[in-house]
């Protein structure tokens, strides 16, 4: 499983999302890639007001205020497939 976390600098919600994902890595095996939306015009336009955005294997599974249980549930589903 691979998670992409779309973020920007000085973003408290992004920091919280990173912390949640780091905690979940103890229970689920996934790689994580952090992408700054300000380094890509298309991403900036797409995610500007939504960040942070969590994408699991190419599917957006959450944005904004992240809930650990929501992400955990999606990881569990993906692990079973």
Protein backbone atom coordinates (compact mmCIF):
# COMPACT_ATOMS: atom_id res chain seq x y z
CA UNK A 1 0.00 0.00 0.00
CA UNK A 2 1.19 3.49 -0.80
CA UNK A 3 -0.03 6.76 0.69
CA UNK A 4 0.50 10.17 -0.80
CA UNK A 5 0.03 13.07 1.58
CA UNK A 6 -0.50 16.39 -0.16
CA UNK A 7 0.61 19.23 2.12
CA UNK A 8 1.99 22.75 2.28
CA UNK A 9 4.39 24.43 4.69
CA UNK A 10 3.11 26.03 7.90
CA UNK A 11 -0.02 23.89 7.94
CA UNK A 12 -1.13 22.61 11.37
CA UNK A 13 -3.70 20.26 9.81
CA UNK A 14 -0.93 18.79 7.65
CA UNK A 15 1.22 18.21 10.75
CA UNK A 16 -1.69 16.47 12.45
CA UNK A 17 -2.29 14.26 9.38
CA UNK A 18 1.42 13.31 9.32
CA UNK A 19 1.26 12.36 13.00
CA UNK A 20 -1.84 10.20 12.44
CA UNK A 21 -0.21 8.41 9.51
CA UNK A 22 2.99 7.85 11.49
CA UNK A 23 0.94 6.24 14.29
CA UNK A 24 -0.92 4.04 11.80
CA UNK A 25 2.35 2.81 10.26
CA UNK A 26 2.90 0.85 13.47
CA UNK A 27 -0.18 -1.28 12.65
CA UNK A 28 -0.29 -1.23 8.83
CA UNK A 29 2.45 -1.67 6.27
CA UNK A 30 2.46 1.21 3.81
CA UNK A 31 4.91 3.56 2.22
CA UNK A 32 4.29 7.27 2.54
CA UNK A 33 5.19 10.09 0.20
CA UNK A 34 4.70 13.72 1.18
CA UNK A 35 4.07 16.14 -1.67
CA UNK A 36 4.12 19.93 -1.29
CA UNK A 37 1.33 21.31 -3.51
CA UNK A 38 3.26 24.56 -3.97
CA UNK A 39 5.85 22.69 -6.05
CA UNK A 40 3.33 21.85 -8.78
CA UNK A 41 0.87 24.34 -10.33
CA UNK A 42 -1.68 21.63 -11.18
CA UNK A 43 -1.66 20.27 -7.63
CA UNK A 44 -1.90 23.76 -6.18
CA UNK A 45 -4.95 24.48 -8.31
CA UNK A 46 -6.55 21.11 -7.51
CA UNK A 47 -5.94 20.94 -3.74
CA UNK A 48 -5.46 24.55 -2.66
CA UNK A 49 -8.39 24.67 -0.21
CA UNK A 50 -8.56 20.96 0.59
CA UNK A 51 -5.17 20.19 2.11
CA UNK A 52 -4.05 18.05 3.65
CA UNK A 53 -5.22 15.33 1.29
CA UNK A 54 -4.55 11.64 1.89
CA UNK A 55 -4.49 9.40 -1.15
CA UNK A 56 -4.29 5.61 -0.77
CA UNK A 57 -3.12 3.72 -3.85
CA UNK A 58 -4.37 6.54 -6.10
CA UNK A 59 -7.74 7.07 -4.38
CA UNK A 60 -8.45 10.12 -2.22
CA UNK A 61 -9.57 8.84 1.17
CA UNK A 62 -9.63 12.04 3.19
CA UNK A 63 -8.88 15.74 3.29
CA UNK A 64 -8.88 18.65 5.71
CA UNK A 65 -9.42 17.59 9.31
CA UNK A 66 -8.29 13.96 9.36
CA UNK A 67 -9.89 11.36 11.57
CA UNK A 68 -7.61 8.50 12.56
CA UNK A 69 -10.43 5.94 12.57
CA UNK A 70 -11.53 6.86 9.03
CA UNK A 71 -8.02 6.33 7.69
CA UNK A 72 -7.61 3.15 9.75
CA UNK A 73 -10.83 1.74 8.28
CA UNK A 74 -9.66 2.43 4.72
CA UNK A 75 -6.25 0.88 5.38
CA UNK A 76 -7.94 -2.21 6.82
CA UNK A 77 -10.17 -2.50 3.72
CA UNK A 78 -7.21 -2.09 1.37
CA UNK A 79 -5.20 -4.67 3.29
CA UNK A 80 -7.95 -7.27 2.82
CA UNK A 81 -8.16 -6.77 -0.96
